[in-house]
Structure formats: C-alpha cells, structure tokens
Amino acid sequence: MEKSGWPEEDELVVCSVKKVTDFGAFVELDEYGQKEGLIHISEVASGWVKYIRDHVREGQKIVCKVLYIDESKHHIDLSLKDVNEHQRREKIQQWKNEQKAEKWIQYVANTTKTGTEDLNGLIKQFYEKFGSVYSVFEKSRISGTSFLTSIGVDKQFAEMVKKVAEENLKKPQVEIAGYVDLTCPLPDGIEHIKKALNAAGEINGNGEEISIDITYTGSPRYRLRVIAPDYKKAENFLKKSANTAIEIIEKVGGTGEFHRHTEEKA
C-alpha cells in the first residue's frame, strides 16, 4: 500500500534493489510509489566493502534508513548498514501487514460500494491519524467502530472493517502462571481454602477477555494460570487473584504466600 508524499529522515523503508554498480545500489521505495533512492557503497556495510554484490544484489528486498531527501531533485540517500537485524525483521513484518491490509480495505470498499476516490481519501486519513491501515483493523477488533465513526467514517464502512478484522486477526494472548501456598489451622480449614480459591477464580477482568485456571499441585500449593491480551494485564490479574485468596485465608488465621512462576509463553 503506497503512502503519499515523501519519507522522513531516519525513517525505515522497504526497498527493492533495481541496479547495483561499483559505487552503490539504486533502489525503489516500495511504500512511496517506487520513488528512487541511492545506497552509496559507504552505506552498504560497516568497514571496507571490496565487492558490493557480496552485500546487496538486484531483485533483493531490503530495509534501509533514510539519510537525506532532496525533493526538488527527486533524490533520496539511504543507508543499509544503519539498520540492525531486529529493525529489519520488525519493518518487514509491518510491511507484510500493510500488504494484507491493502487487500482487506479493498474488499471493504467493494462490499460497501465505496469509490476509488473516497477510498484513497480514507486511506490517507488512516495513515495520518493511526500510522497505518493495518492498525485500523487491529483497533476496530479491540475497540469496535466508534473510533472510526467519530472521525467521519461511514457507519457501514466501519462495521465492515470490524467484521473483516474479526475474521482475519487472531486475538493476542499471553499465558503466565504463579503459585499460591495456602494453609489454615482450623478443623474445617480445607473449606476455607476452597472459599479463598473460589474467590480468586471469580475476580473480574473489568471487561477484558481474561481467564484463570486454578489447579492443585500438592499441599499446600495451588497453581494459578492466567490467559490475557497482554503481559501487563495478565500480571495484574494474577497478583489480584493471588492476593484475594491470601487475604481471605489470613482473616481466619491461616497463612498465604504467592510465588511467581518464571516460565512464560505467548
């Protein structure tokens, strides 16, 4: 999906290598209407470059950093060496996401009979307000359609964006676990422990899609497993659940202690 205008200095851009010479490589910026840029040999790699084609070749898809722009001469200087592997992977993933979003937004336009001119206007607006079209789909899946209709997007179009998002985007989830040790000296102590665990399992997620599973692992330890949209929400929910159980058991003279399990998975 093409962005209007020119990139900014220090921006990371996805490029297609068109021509490699002894002094540098000419590329096209995929996101900016195939505007042409130059990677001077000194910006290809750190240190001395003996053979430039050992580092870059025609037809290659690369990520570069924008060094300098001269709009009057339609000239862009780029650097390949200033982009680390993490930045490269992240940018390529963002670019792939925008490729998906381009198909989705076109489907939305076709379904709602939105004309090309109106669609292009919406896309421009999405880039200006949200940074990408893909993020519009992400936000609509989480927040609904009000953020779109509030900026003037037609309700039917907004509803279709949400529908496409729900059908194509997986809900982000993380899983974490912890243990709570509960003891109670009373004759009916096990009943008080059950009451404490039930209360821990009934903690409200404040509208978030959060779930908790509590299992017995061996006296006096119980495992709390939480699945939530992100780690911050998961950690807060886990601690709140554990503290609820501990508070209840301590009120009847028992003891409770929370232990955070270190193994996590997304």
Protein backbone atom coordinates (compact mmCIF):
# COMPACT_ATOMS: atom_id res chain seq x y z
CA MET A 1 0.00 0.00 0.00
CA GLU A 2 1.52 3.29 -1.06
CA LYS A 3 1.97 6.28 1.21
CA SER A 4 1.58 9.75 -0.19
CA GLY A 5 4.40 12.28 -0.17
CA TRP A 6 7.97 11.58 0.87
CA PRO A 7 9.53 9.61 3.71
CA GLU A 8 11.14 11.42 6.62
CA GLU A 9 14.81 11.42 7.53
CA ASP A 10 15.72 8.49 9.86
CA GLU A 11 12.59 6.60 8.74
CA LEU A 12 12.98 2.91 7.93
CA VAL A 13 11.72 1.99 4.46
CA VAL A 14 11.28 -1.23 2.49
CA CYS A 15 13.18 -1.14 -0.81
CA SER A 16 13.58 -3.26 -3.94
CA VAL A 17 17.10 -3.29 -5.37
CA LYS A 18 16.98 -2.36 -9.07
CA LYS A 19 20.61 -1.80 -10.06
CA VAL A 20 23.97 -2.42 -8.40
CA THR A 21 27.07 -0.52 -9.52
CA ASP A 22 30.64 -0.26 -8.26
CA PHE A 23 29.80 2.89 -6.27
CA GLY A 24 26.41 1.93 -4.84
CA ALA A 25 22.95 0.46 -5.34
CA PHE A 26 19.85 2.07 -6.82
CA VAL A 27 16.59 1.02 -5.19
CA GLU A 28 12.88 1.76 -5.32
CA LEU A 29 10.95 2.56 -2.15
CA ASP A 30 8.04 0.13 -2.17
CA GLU A 31 5.86 2.18 0.17
CA TYR A 32 6.33 5.51 -1.59
CA GLY A 33 5.22 4.95 -5.17
CA GLN A 34 8.54 3.43 -6.22
CA LYS A 35 10.45 6.66 -5.62
CA GLU A 36 14.12 6.03 -6.34
CA GLY A 37 16.89 6.09 -3.77
CA LEU A 38 20.64 5.50 -3.67
CA ILE A 39 22.69 3.49 -1.20
CA HIS A 40 26.28 4.70 -1.56
CA ILE A 41 28.88 1.96 -1.16
CA SER A 42 29.98 3.57 2.10
CA GLU A 43 26.47 2.96 3.49
CA VAL A 44 26.17 -0.66 2.39
CA ALA A 45 28.06 -2.26 5.27
CA SER A 46 30.35 -1.36 8.15
CA GLY A 47 34.02 -1.42 7.23
CA TRP A 48 35.57 -1.67 3.81
CA VAL A 49 33.39 -3.21 1.10
CA LYS A 50 35.51 -4.98 -1.54
CA TYR A 51 32.67 -6.49 -3.57
CA ILE A 52 29.35 -4.66 -3.20
CA ARG A 53 27.42 -7.64 -4.57
CA ASP A 54 28.52 -9.65 -1.57
CA HIS A 55 26.11 -7.46 0.41
CA VAL A 56 23.35 -6.39 -1.98
CA ARG A 57 22.06 -7.68 -5.32
CA GLU A 58 19.40 -6.92 -7.93
CA GLY A 59 15.91 -8.13 -7.05
CA GLN A 60 16.59 -8.21 -3.33
CA LYS A 61 14.08 -6.84 -0.82
CA ILE A 62 15.88 -4.83 1.86
CA VAL A 63 15.20 -2.36 4.67
CA CYS A 64 17.07 0.94 4.64
CA LYS A 65 17.28 4.05 6.78
CA VAL A 66 16.59 7.40 5.12
CA LEU A 67 19.61 9.70 5.44
CA TYR A 68 18.78 12.67 3.24
CA ILE A 69 15.97 13.83 0.93
CA ASP A 70 16.07 16.42 -1.84
CA GLU A 71 12.50 16.66 -3.14
CA SER A 72 13.41 19.21 -5.83
CA LYS A 73 15.87 16.75 -7.38
CA HIS A 74 13.75 13.68 -6.51
CA HIS A 75 16.76 12.28 -4.71
CA ILE A 76 16.91 10.10 -1.58
CA ASP A 77 20.10 8.92 0.16
CA LEU A 78 19.76 5.68 2.09
CA SER A 79 21.78 3.51 4.46
CA LEU A 80 21.70 -0.27 4.69
CA LYS A 81 24.38 -0.60 7.36
CA ASP A 82 22.44 1.55 9.88
CA VAL A 83 19.60 -1.00 10.11
CA ASN A 84 20.10 -3.83 12.59
CA GLU A 85 18.53 -7.28 12.30
CA HIS A 86 15.77 -6.59 14.82
CA GLN A 87 14.75 -3.41 12.99
CA ARG A 88 14.83 -5.24 9.66
CA ARG A 89 12.57 -8.05 10.85
CA GLU A 90 10.14 -5.67 12.53
CA LYS A 91 9.90 -3.41 9.47
CA ILE A 92 9.41 -6.33 7.09
CA GLN A 93 6.61 -7.64 9.31
CA GLN A 94 4.95 -4.21 9.32
CA TRP A 95 5.23 -4.08 5.54
CA LYS A 96 3.69 -7.55 5.19
CA ASN A 97 0.87 -6.49 7.49
CA GLU A 98 0.18 -3.48 5.27
CA GLN A 99 0.08 -5.80 2.25
CA LYS A 100 -2.66 -7.77 3.97
CA ALA A 101 -4.47 -4.59 4.99
CA GLU A 102 -4.44 -3.40 1.38
CA LYS A 103 -6.43 -6.47 0.32
CA TRP A 104 -8.79 -6.16 3.28
CA ILE A 105 -9.53 -2.47 2.77
CA GLN A 106 -10.16 -3.07 -0.92
CA TYR A 107 -12.61 -5.84 -0.01
CA VAL A 108 -14.35 -3.47 2.42
CA ALA A 109 -14.58 -0.83 -0.30
CA ASN A 110 -16.01 -3.29 -2.83
CA THR A 111 -18.54 -4.65 -0.34
CA THR A 112 -19.73 -1.19 0.73
CA LYS A 113 -19.55 0.17 -2.85
CA THR A 114 -17.04 2.84 -1.83
CA GLY A 115 -15.49 4.59 -4.84
CA THR A 116 -11.75 4.79 -5.51
CA GLU A 117 -11.51 8.49 -4.73
CA ASP A 118 -13.33 8.13 -1.42
CA LEU A 119 -11.25 5.07 -0.53
CA ASN A 120 -7.98 6.87 -1.24
CA GLY A 121 -9.16 9.71 0.97
CA LEU A 122 -9.89 7.29 3.80
CA ILE A 123 -6.52 5.58 3.42
CA LYS A 124 -4.75 8.92 3.60
CA GLN A 125 -6.74 9.80 6.70
CA PHE A 126 -5.89 6.44 8.31
CA TYR A 127 -2.17 6.98 7.75
CA GLU A 128 -2.33 10.49 9.19
CA LYS A 129 -4.32 9.53 12.30
CA PHE A 130 -3.25 5.94 13.01
CA GLY A 131 0.07 5.47 11.21
CA SER A 132 -1.07 2.54 9.09
CA VAL A 133 -4.14 0.86 7.65
CA TYR A 134 -3.36 -2.41 9.45
CA SER A 135 -3.58 -0.64 12.81
CA VAL A 136 -7.13 0.45 11.91
CA PHE A 137 -8.16 -3.19 11.61
CA GLU A 138 -6.37 -4.05 14.86
CA LYS A 139 -8.04 -1.20 16.73
CA SER A 140 -11.50 -1.98 15.33
CA ARG A 141 -11.25 -5.59 16.51
CA ILE A 142 -10.45 -4.40 20.04
CA SER A 143 -12.40 -1.13 20.33
CA GLY A 144 -15.29 -1.52 17.89
CA THR A 145 -16.36 1.09 15.34
CA SER A 146 -16.85 4.28 17.38
CA PHE A 147 -13.26 5.50 16.83
CA LEU A 148 -13.92 5.38 13.06
CA THR A 149 -17.39 6.91 13.02
CA SER A 150 -16.14 9.68 15.34
CA ILE A 151 -13.79 10.87 12.57
CA GLY A 152 -16.48 10.79 9.92
CA VAL A 153 -16.15 7.26 8.52
CA ASP A 154 -19.44 5.90 7.21
CA LYS A 155 -21.06 3.51 9.70
CA GLN A 156 -21.49 0.74 7.12
CA PHE A 157 -17.82 1.01 6.13
CA ALA A 158 -16.74 0.98 9.79
CA GLU A 159 -18.88 -2.08 10.55
CA MET A 160 -17.36 -3.92 7.59
CA VAL A 161 -13.82 -3.03 8.76
CA LYS A 162 -14.65 -4.54 12.15
CA LYS A 163 -16.13 -7.66 10.56
CA VAL A 164 -13.06 -8.23 8.38
CA ALA A 165 -10.78 -7.65 11.37
CA GLU A 166 -12.64 -10.21 13.48
CA GLU A 167 -12.43 -12.76 10.67
CA ASN A 168 -8.74 -12.28 9.91
CA LEU A 169 -6.92 -11.17 13.05
CA LYS A 170 -6.10 -13.52 15.88
CA LYS A 171 -6.74 -12.16 19.32
CA PRO A 172 -3.41 -11.51 21.04
CA GLN A 173 -2.97 -13.70 24.09
CA VAL A 174 -0.25 -14.40 26.61
CA GLU A 175 -0.16 -17.04 29.30
CA ILE A 176 1.53 -16.72 32.68
CA ALA A 177 1.38 -18.73 35.88
CA GLY A 178 2.07 -18.43 39.59
CA TYR A 179 1.59 -20.44 42.75
CA VAL A 180 -0.16 -19.60 45.98
CA ASP A 181 0.56 -21.56 49.18
CA LEU A 182 -2.47 -21.65 51.49
CA THR A 183 -2.72 -23.21 54.96
CA CYS A 184 -5.43 -22.98 57.60
CA PRO A 185 -5.18 -24.49 61.15
CA LEU A 186 -8.96 -24.65 61.70
CA PRO A 187 -10.72 -28.05 61.74
CA ASP A 188 -12.64 -27.02 58.62
CA GLY A 189 -9.55 -25.40 57.12
CA ILE A 190 -9.98 -27.10 53.75
CA GLU A 191 -13.36 -25.41 53.35
CA HIS A 192 -11.82 -22.01 54.00
CA ILE A 193 -9.11 -22.75 51.44
CA LYS A 194 -11.78 -23.71 48.89
CA LYS A 195 -13.60 -20.46 49.64
CA ALA A 196 -10.40 -18.47 49.13
CA LEU A 197 -9.64 -20.20 45.82
CA ASN A 198 -13.20 -19.73 44.57
CA ALA A 199 -12.93 -16.01 45.29
CA ALA A 200 -9.61 -15.88 43.45
CA GLY A 201 -11.21 -17.55 40.44
CA GLU A 202 -14.11 -15.11 40.38
CA ILE A 203 -12.03 -11.94 40.07
CA ASN A 204 -13.49 -9.61 37.46
CA GLY A 205 -11.40 -8.83 34.39
CA ASN A 206 -13.01 -5.37 34.03
CA GLY A 207 -14.42 -6.19 30.60
CA GLU A 208 -11.17 -7.71 29.33
CA GLU A 209 -11.08 -11.23 27.92
CA ILE A 210 -9.09 -12.75 30.78
CA SER A 211 -9.39 -16.28 32.11
CA ILE A 212 -7.88 -18.03 35.11
CA ASP A 213 -7.46 -21.72 35.84
CA ILE A 214 -6.65 -22.92 39.36
CA THR A 215 -5.27 -26.41 39.98
CA TYR A 216 -3.96 -28.31 43.00
CA THR A 217 -0.29 -29.26 42.71
CA GLY A 218 0.39 -30.70 46.17
CA SER A 219 -0.19 -29.42 49.70
CA PRO A 220 -0.16 -26.52 50.37
CA ARG A 221 0.42 -25.29 46.81
CA TYR A 222 -2.12 -24.28 44.15
CA ARG A 223 -1.26 -23.18 40.61
CA LEU A 224 -2.88 -20.10 39.08
CA ARG A 225 -2.73 -19.95 35.27
CA VAL A 226 -3.88 -16.73 33.59
CA ILE A 227 -4.55 -16.06 29.90
CA ALA A 228 -4.91 -12.38 28.94
CA PRO A 229 -4.46 -9.99 25.98
CA ASP A 230 -1.03 -8.82 27.16
CA TYR A 231 1.54 -9.36 29.92
CA LYS A 232 0.68 -6.26 31.93
CA LYS A 233 -2.99 -7.24 32.21
CA ALA A 234 -2.02 -10.84 32.93
CA GLU A 235 0.40 -9.86 35.72
CA ASN A 236 -2.11 -7.52 37.36
CA PHE A 237 -4.87 -10.12 37.20
CA LEU A 238 -2.61 -12.88 38.56
CA LYS A 239 -1.48 -10.78 41.53
CA LYS A 240 -5.02 -9.62 42.25
CA SER A 241 -6.31 -13.20 42.26
CA ALA A 242 -3.50 -14.45 44.50
CA ASN A 243 -3.89 -11.55 46.94
CA THR A 244 -7.63 -12.17 47.15
CA ALA A 245 -7.06 -15.78 48.19
CA ILE A 246 -4.35 -14.80 50.68
CA GLU A 247 -6.48 -12.07 52.31
CA ILE A 248 -9.42 -14.42 52.80
CA ILE A 249 -7.32 -17.18 54.34
CA GLU A 250 -5.46 -14.78 56.64
CA LYS A 251 -8.75 -13.43 58.01
CA VAL A 252 -9.45 -16.86 59.52
CA GLY A 253 -5.97 -17.27 60.98
CA GLY A 254 -4.38 -19.08 58.05
CA THR A 255 -1.32 -18.16 56.02
CA GLY A 256 -0.79 -17.47 52.37
CA GLU A 257 2.18 -16.78 50.13
CA PHE A 258 2.44 -16.02 46.42
CA HIS A 259 5.21 -17.30 44.13
CA ARG A 260 5.57 -16.11 40.55
CA HIS A 261 6.29 -18.88 38.05
CA THR A 262 9.10 -17.77 35.72
CA GLU A 263 8.27 -19.74 32.57
CA GLU A 264 6.01 -17.77 30.19
CA LYS A 265 4.74 -18.32 26.72
CA ALA A 266 2.95 -16.18 24.18
